[in-house]
PDB file of N, CA and C in Angstrom:
ATOM      1  N   MET A   1      30.165 -31.987   7.304  1.00  0.00           N
ATOM      2  CA  MET A   1      29.241 -33.143   7.746  1.00  0.00           C
ATOM      3  C   MET A   1      28.154 -33.361   7.153  1.00  0.00           C
ATOM      4  N   GLY A   2      27.849 -34.237   6.526  1.00  0.00           N
ATOM      5  CA  GLY A   2      26.401 -34.476   5.961  1.00  0.00           C
ATOM      6  C   GLY A   2      25.194 -34.872   7.029  1.00  0.00           C
ATOM      7  N   LEU A   3      23.868 -35.160   6.522  1.00  0.00           N
ATOM      8  CA  LEU A   3      23.009 -35.827   7.733  1.00  0.00           C
ATOM      9  C   LEU A   3      23.481 -37.601   7.806  1.00  0.00           C
ATOM     10  N   LEU A   4      23.625 -37.778   6.918  1.00  0.00           N
ATOM     11  CA  LEU A   4      23.878 -39.455   7.071  1.00  0.00           C
ATOM     12  C   LEU A   4      25.233 -39.937   7.666  1.00  0.00           C
ATOM     13  N   ASP A   5      26.020 -38.668   7.608  1.00  0.00           N
ATOM     14  CA  ASP A   5      28.031 -38.687   8.407  1.00  0.00           C
ATOM     15  C   ASP A   5      27.060 -38.507  10.031  1.00  0.00           C
ATOM     16  N   VAL A   6      26.313 -37.408  10.126  1.00  0.00           N
ATOM     17  CA  VAL A   6      25.418 -37.619  11.578  1.00  0.00           C
ATOM     18  C   VAL A   6      24.970 -38.659  12.037  1.00  0.00           C
ATOM     19  N   LEU A   7      23.442 -39.167  11.396  1.00  0.00           N
ATOM     20  CA  LEU A   7      23.117 -40.141  11.531  1.00  0.00           C
ATOM     21  C   LEU A   7      24.308 -41.860  11.761  1.00  0.00           C
ATOM     22  N   LYS A   8      25.126 -41.666  11.006  1.00  0.00           N
ATOM     23  CA  LYS A   8      25.827 -42.748  10.898  1.00  0.00           C
ATOM     24  C   LYS A   8      26.564 -42.918  12.067  1.00  0.00           C
ATOM     25  N   HIS A   9      27.165 -41.652  13.039  1.00  0.00           N
ATOM     26  CA  HIS A   9      27.932 -41.451  13.972  1.00  0.00           C
ATOM     27  C   HIS A   9      27.302 -41.504  15.465  1.00  0.00           C
ATOM     28  N   LEU A  10      25.523 -41.040  15.271  1.00  0.00           N
ATOM     29  CA  LEU A  10      24.553 -41.067  16.521  1.00  0.00           C
ATOM     30  C   LEU A  10      24.676 -42.554  16.601  1.00  0.00           C
ATOM     31  N   ARG A  11      24.572 -43.665  15.495  1.00  0.00           N
ATOM     32  CA  ARG A  11      24.240 -44.814  15.538  1.00  0.00           C
ATOM     33  C   ARG A  11      25.508 -45.608  16.236  1.00  0.00           C
ATOM     34  N   ARG A  12      26.755 -45.096  16.042  1.00  0.00           N
ATOM     35  CA  ARG A  12      27.954 -45.916  16.430  1.00  0.00           C
ATOM     36  C   ARG A  12      28.164 -45.240  17.849  1.00  0.00           C
ATOM     37  N   GLY A  13      27.683 -43.779  18.393  1.00  0.00           N
ATOM     38  CA  GLY A  13      28.159 -43.589  19.545  1.00  0.00           C
ATOM     39  C   GLY A  13      29.291 -42.747  19.303  1.00  0.00           C
ATOM     40  N   ARG A  14      29.958 -42.467  20.521  1.00  0.00           N
ATOM     41  CA  ARG A  14      31.146 -41.538  20.564  1.00  0.00           C
ATOM     42  C   ARG A  14      32.246 -42.268  19.763  1.00  0.00           C
ATOM     43  N   PRO A  15      32.668 -41.792  18.593  1.00  0.00           N
ATOM     44  CA  PRO A  15      34.211 -42.105  18.694  1.00  0.00           C
ATOM     45  C   PRO A  15      35.120 -42.539  19.733  1.00  0.00           C
ATOM     46  N   SER A  16      36.176 -43.540  19.290  1.00  0.00           N
ATOM     47  CA  SER A  16      37.190 -43.944  20.526  1.00  0.00           C
ATOM     48  C   SER A  16      38.475 -43.435  20.792  1.00  0.00           C
ATOM     49  N   ARG A  17      38.626 -42.700  19.102  1.00  0.00           N
ATOM     50  CA  ARG A  17      39.333 -41.744  19.357  1.00  0.00           C
ATOM     51  C   ARG A  17      39.235 -39.994  19.625  1.00  0.00           C
ATOM     52  N   ALA A  18      37.751 -39.731  20.319  1.00  0.00           N
ATOM     53  CA  ALA A  18      37.496 -38.545  20.682  1.00  0.00           C
ATOM     54  C   ALA A  18      37.786 -38.451  22.085  1.00  0.00           C
ATOM     55  N   LEU A  19      38.380 -37.216  22.134  1.00  0.00           N
ATOM     56  CA  LEU A  19      39.151 -36.832  23.615  1.00  0.00           C
ATOM     57  C   LEU A  19      37.772 -35.693  24.084  1.00  0.00           C
ATOM     58  N   ILE A  20      37.726 -36.223  25.270  1.00  0.00           N
ATOM     59  CA  ILE A  20      36.511 -35.296  25.820  1.00  0.00           C
ATOM     60  C   ILE A  20      36.964 -34.336  26.835  1.00  0.00           C
ATOM     61  N   ALA A  21      36.755 -33.109  27.260  1.00  0.00           N
ATOM     62  CA  ALA A  21      37.001 -32.255  27.955  1.00  0.00           C
ATOM     63  C   ALA A  21      36.054 -31.509  28.908  1.00  0.00           C
ATOM     64  N   CYS A  22      36.082 -31.226  29.628  1.00  0.00           N
ATOM     65  CA  CYS A  22      35.512 -29.959  30.575  1.00  0.00           C
ATOM     66  C   CYS A  22      34.635 -28.920  29.725  1.00  0.00           C
ATOM     67  N   PRO A  23      33.536 -28.474  29.909  1.00  0.00           N
ATOM     68  CA  PRO A  23      33.333 -27.420  29.427  1.00  0.00           C
ATOM     69  C   PRO A  23      33.203 -26.196  30.196  1.00  0.00           C
ATOM     70  N   ARG A  24      33.598 -26.589  31.208  1.00  0.00           N
ATOM     71  CA  ARG A  24      33.964 -25.200  32.359  1.00  0.00           C
ATOM     72  C   ARG A  24      35.811 -24.802  32.388  1.00  0.00           C
ATOM     73  N   CYS A  25      36.322 -25.987  32.936  1.00  0.00           N
ATOM     74  CA  CYS A  25      37.745 -25.870  32.385  1.00  0.00           C
ATOM     75  C   CYS A  25      38.844 -26.002  31.815  1.00  0.00           C
ATOM     76  N   GLY A  26      37.949 -26.610  30.906  1.00  0.00           N
ATOM     77  CA  GLY A  26      39.104 -27.310  29.766  1.00  0.00           C
ATOM     78  C   GLY A  26      39.506 -28.750  30.093  1.00  0.00           C
ATOM     79  N   SER A  27      39.844 -29.234  31.316  1.00  0.00           N
ATOM     80  CA  SER A  27      40.166 -30.687  31.555  1.00  0.00           C
ATOM     81  C   SER A  27      40.180 -31.573  31.348  1.00  0.00           C
ATOM     82  N   THR A  28      40.728 -32.422  30.709  1.00  0.00           N
ATOM     83  CA  THR A  28      40.429 -33.422  29.929  1.00  0.00           C
ATOM     84  C   THR A  28      40.475 -34.993  31.072  1.00  0.00           C
ATOM     85  N   ARG A  29      40.621 -34.774  32.218  1.00  0.00           N
ATOM     86  CA  ARG A  29      40.453 -35.574  33.493  1.00  0.00           C
ATOM     87  C   ARG A  29      38.729 -36.114  33.809  1.00  0.00           C
ATOM     88  N   VAL A  30      37.948 -35.469  32.717  1.00  0.00           N
ATOM     89  CA  VAL A  30      36.281 -35.835  33.290  1.00  0.00           C
ATOM     90  C   VAL A  30      36.068 -37.252  33.116  1.00  0.00           C
ATOM     91  N   ARG A  31      35.497 -37.534  34.082  1.00  0.00           N
ATOM     92  CA  ARG A  31      34.687 -38.609  34.261  1.00  0.00           C
ATOM     93  C   ARG A  31      33.521 -39.089  33.608  1.00  0.00           C
ATOM     94  N   ARG A  32      32.790 -39.920  33.854  1.00  0.00           N
ATOM     95  CA  ARG A  32      31.403 -40.432  33.244  1.00  0.00           C
ATOM     96  C   ARG A  32      30.983 -40.885  34.642  1.00  0.00           C
ATOM     97  N   LEU A  33      29.612 -40.637  35.338  1.00  0.00           N
ATOM     98  CA  LEU A  33      28.952 -40.606  36.381  1.00  0.00           C
ATOM     99  C   LEU A  33      28.647 -42.436  35.810  1.00  0.00           C
ATOM    100  N   GLY A  34      28.763 -43.332  36.806  1.00  0.00           N
ATOM    101  CA  GLY A  34      27.810 -44.854  36.647  1.00  0.00           C
ATOM    102  C   GLY A  34      26.982 -44.832  37.788  1.00  0.00           C
ATOM    103  N   GLY A  35      26.599 -45.717  37.924  1.00  0.00           N
ATOM    104  CA  GLY A  35      24.656 -45.877  38.131  1.00  0.00           C
ATOM    105  C   GLY A  35      23.865 -46.218  37.576  1.00  0.00           C
ATOM    106  N   LEU A  36      22.774 -45.150  37.844  1.00  0.00           N
ATOM    107  CA  LEU A  36      21.719 -45.512  37.045  1.00  0.00           C
ATOM    108  C   LEU A  36      21.822 -44.075  35.780  1.00  0.00           C
ATOM    109  N   PHE A  37      22.940 -43.505  36.117  1.00  0.00           N
ATOM    110  CA  PHE A  37      23.550 -42.242  35.039  1.00  0.00           C
ATOM    111  C   PHE A  37      23.754 -42.714  33.436  1.00  0.00           C
ATOM    112  N   GLY A  38      23.227 -42.916  32.411  1.00  0.00           N
ATOM    113  CA  GLY A  38      23.255 -43.088  31.267  1.00  0.00           C
ATOM    114  C   GLY A  38      22.277 -44.075  31.299  1.00  0.00           C
ATOM    115  N   TRP A  39      21.668 -44.284  31.915  1.00  0.00           N
ATOM    116  CA  TRP A  39      20.545 -45.680  31.773  1.00  0.00           C
ATOM    117  C   TRP A  39      19.513 -44.916  31.956  1.00  0.00           C
ATOM    118  N   LEU A  40      19.307 -44.841  33.562  1.00  0.00           N
ATOM    119  CA  LEU A  40      17.741 -44.319  33.283  1.00  0.00           C
ATOM    120  C   LEU A  40      17.678 -42.592  33.714  1.00  0.00           C
ATOM    121  N   LEU A  41      18.594 -42.209  33.979  1.00  0.00           N
ATOM    122  CA  LEU A  41      19.029 -40.902  34.085  1.00  0.00           C
ATOM    123  C   LEU A  41      19.723 -40.761  32.791  1.00  0.00           C
ATOM    124  N   PRO A  42      19.671 -39.365  32.545  1.00  0.00           N
ATOM    125  CA  PRO A  42      20.467 -38.952  31.429  1.00  0.00           C
ATOM    126  C   PRO A  42      22.207 -39.260  31.775  1.00  0.00           C
ATOM    127  N   THR A  43      22.989 -39.607  30.877  1.00  0.00           N
ATOM    128  CA  THR A  43      24.458 -39.523  30.718  1.00  0.00           C
ATOM    129  C   THR A  43      25.035 -37.886  31.667  1.00  0.00           C
ATOM    130  N   THR A  44      25.709 -38.107  32.607  1.00  0.00           N
ATOM    131  CA  THR A  44      26.452 -37.047  33.407  1.00  0.00           C
ATOM    132  C   THR A  44      27.614 -37.613  33.513  1.00  0.00           C
ATOM    133  N   TYR A  45      28.791 -36.273  33.599  1.00  0.00           N
ATOM    134  CA  TYR A  45      29.741 -36.395  33.277  1.00  0.00           C
ATOM    135  C   TYR A  45      30.434 -35.264  34.694  1.00  0.00           C
ATOM    136  N   ALA A  46      31.504 -36.054  35.433  1.00  0.00           N
ATOM    137  CA  ALA A  46      32.094 -34.904  36.430  1.00  0.00           C
ATOM    138  C   ALA A  46      33.377 -34.573  36.308  1.00  0.00           C
ATOM    139  N   CYS A  47      33.945 -33.486  36.410  1.00  0.00           N
ATOM    140  CA  CYS A  47      35.471 -32.974  36.564  1.00  0.00           C
ATOM    141  C   CYS A  47      35.906 -32.610  37.886  1.00  0.00           C
ATOM    142  N   PRO A  48      37.259 -33.334  38.265  1.00  0.00           N
ATOM    143  CA  PRO A  48      37.510 -33.643  39.157  1.00  0.00           C
ATOM    144  C   PRO A  48      38.462 -32.025  39.926  1.00  0.00           C
ATOM    145  N   ASP A  49      38.526 -31.495  38.497  1.00  0.00           N
ATOM    146  CA  ASP A  49      39.154 -30.033  38.818  1.00  0.00           C
ATOM    147  C   ASP A  49      38.538 -28.983  39.195  1.00  0.00           C
ATOM    148  N   CYS A  50      37.530 -28.959  38.849  1.00  0.00           N
ATOM    149  CA  CYS A  50      37.059 -27.972  39.142  1.00  0.00           C
ATOM    150  C   CYS A  50      35.670 -27.618  39.516  1.00  0.00           C
ATOM    151  N   GLY A  51      35.421 -28.873  39.974  1.00  0.00           N
ATOM    152  CA  GLY A  51      33.805 -29.470  40.200  1.00  0.00           C
ATOM    153  C   GLY A  51      32.353 -29.483  39.404  1.00  0.00           C
ATOM    154  N   TYR A  52      32.624 -29.233  38.242  1.00  0.00           N
ATOM    155  CA  TYR A  52      31.761 -29.455  37.538  1.00  0.00           C
ATOM    156  C   TYR A  52      30.757 -30.664  36.973  1.00  0.00           C
ATOM    157  N   MET A  53      29.483 -30.660  37.238  1.00  0.00           N
ATOM    158  CA  MET A  53      28.788 -32.080  37.138  1.00  0.00           C
ATOM    159  C   MET A  53      27.647 -31.751  36.682  1.00  0.00           C
ATOM    160  N   GLY A  54      27.362 -32.337  35.169  1.00  0.00           N
ATOM    161  CA  GLY A  54      26.259 -31.989  34.442  1.00  0.00           C
ATOM    162  C   GLY A  54      26.386 -33.267  33.132  1.00  0.00           C
ATOM    163  N   PRO A  55      25.505 -32.617  31.951  1.00  0.00           N
ATOM    164  CA  PRO A  55      25.196 -33.361  31.083  1.00  0.00           C
ATOM    165  C   PRO A  55      26.022 -33.269  30.057  1.00  0.00           C
ATOM    166  N   LEU A  56      26.230 -32.344  29.419  1.00  0.00           N
ATOM    167  CA  LEU A  56      27.059 -31.065  28.469  1.00  0.00           C
ATOM    168  C   LEU A  56      28.562 -31.607  28.663  1.00  0.00           C
ATOM    169  N   ILE A  57      29.203 -32.131  27.486  1.00  0.00           N
ATOM    170  CA  ILE A  57      30.871 -32.068  27.880  1.00  0.00           C
ATOM    171  C   ILE A  57      31.153 -31.939  26.551  1.00  0.00           C
ATOM    172  N   LEU A  58      32.533 -30.964  26.213  1.00  0.00           N
ATOM    173  CA  LEU A  58      33.333 -31.187  25.145  1.00  0.00           C
ATOM    174  C   LEU A  58      33.912 -32.108  24.457  1.00  0.00           C
ATOM    175  N   GLU A  59      33.597 -32.636  23.407  1.00  0.00           N
ATOM    176  CA  GLU A  59      34.351 -33.825  22.129  1.00  0.00           C
ATOM    177  C   GLU A  59      35.045 -33.167  21.408  1.00  0.00           C
ATOM    178  N   LEU A  60      36.251 -33.644  21.285  1.00  0.00           N
ATOM    179  CA  LEU A  60      37.114 -32.990  20.406  1.00  0.00           C
ATOM    180  C   LEU A  60      37.718 -34.372  19.601  1.00  0.00           C
ATOM    181  N   GLU A  61      37.687 -34.037  18.381  1.00  0.00           N
ATOM    182  CA  GLU A  61      38.477 -35.178  17.606  1.00  0.00           C
ATOM    183  C   GLU A  61      40.044 -35.243  17.505  1.00  0.00           C
ATOM    184  N   GLU A  62      40.393 -36.109  17.463  1.00  0.00           N
ATOM    185  CA  GLU A  62      42.136 -35.979  16.996  1.00  0.00           C
ATOM    186  C   GLU A  62      42.466 -35.230  16.197  1.00  0.00           C
ATOM    187  N   GLU A  63      41.872 -34.728  14.894  1.00  0.00           N
ATOM    188  CA  GLU A  63      42.572 -33.763  14.101  1.00  0.00           C
ATOM    189  C   GLU A  63      42.213 -32.528  14.648  1.00  0.00           C
ATOM    190  N   GLU A  64      41.191 -32.195  15.448  1.00  0.00           N
ATOM    191  CA  GLU A  64      40.991 -30.946  16.560  1.00  0.00           C
ATOM    192  C   GLU A  64      42.191 -30.777  17.391  1.00  0.00           C
ATOM    193  N   VAL A  65      42.881 -32.131  17.751  1.00  0.00           N
ATOM    194  CA  VAL A  65      43.600 -32.099  19.323  1.00  0.00           C
ATOM    195  C   VAL A  65      44.831 -31.556  18.414  1.00  0.00           C
ATOM    196  N   ARG A  66      45.170 -32.209  17.309  1.00  0.00           N
ATOM    197  CA  ARG A  66      46.688 -32.089  16.816  1.00  0.00           C
ATOM    198  C   ARG A  66      46.534 -30.340  15.971  1.00  0.00           C
ATOM    199  N   LYS A  67      45.491 -29.859  15.450  1.00  0.00           N
ATOM    200  CA  LYS A  67      45.439 -28.366  15.134  1.00  0.00           C
ATOM    201  C   LYS A  67      45.885 -27.442  16.169  1.00  0.00           C
ATOM    202  N   ALA A  68      44.763 -27.403  17.686  1.00  0.00           N
ATOM    203  CA  ALA A  68      45.190 -26.692  18.603  1.00  0.00           C
ATOM    204  C   ALA A  68      46.193 -27.074  19.021  1.00  0.00           C
ATOM    205  N   GLY A  69      47.487 -28.071  18.778  1.00  0.00           N
ATOM    206  CA  GLY A  69      48.691 -28.112  19.592  1.00  0.00           C
ATOM    207  C   GLY A  69      49.606 -27.514  18.676  1.00  0.00           C
ATOM    208  N   SER A  70      49.001 -27.558  17.308  1.00  0.00           N
ATOM    209  CA  SER A  70      50.296 -26.489  16.388  1.00  0.00           C
ATOM    210  C   SER A  70      50.013 -24.946  16.190  1.00  0.00           C
ATOM    211  N   GLU A  71      48.570 -24.726  16.728  1.00  0.00           N
ATOM    212  CA  GLU A  71      48.406 -23.512  16.874  1.00  0.00           C
ATOM    213  C   GLU A  71      49.318 -22.778  18.227  1.00  0.00           C
ATOM    214  N   GLY A  72      49.204 -23.646  19.316  1.00  0.00           N
ATOM    215  CA  GLY A  72      49.724 -23.270  20.085  1.00  0.00           C
ATOM    216  C   GLY A  72      51.152 -22.854  19.971  1.00  0.00           C
ATOM    217  N   GLU A  73      51.775 -23.532  19.386  1.00  0.00           N
ATOM    218  CA  GLU A  73      53.230 -23.407  19.331  1.00  0.00           C
ATOM    219  C   GLU A  73      54.373 -22.659  18.874  1.00  0.00           C
TER     220      GLU A  73
END
């Protein structure tokens, strides 16, 4: 991915087909906290499975999800 692609990605935000996952347990049930998070405070995510709360999140593109699924078979 070149610099121009990265800048376009940042301008558009997270791709709609990206799957987010918890960095601690890998759960995809992660949710973004509302309120002041993402506006006045950094965007924060919460995982109901392991209790993780923080600004870091794993983003997997659709291609990566398909690759991981085919390697696990």
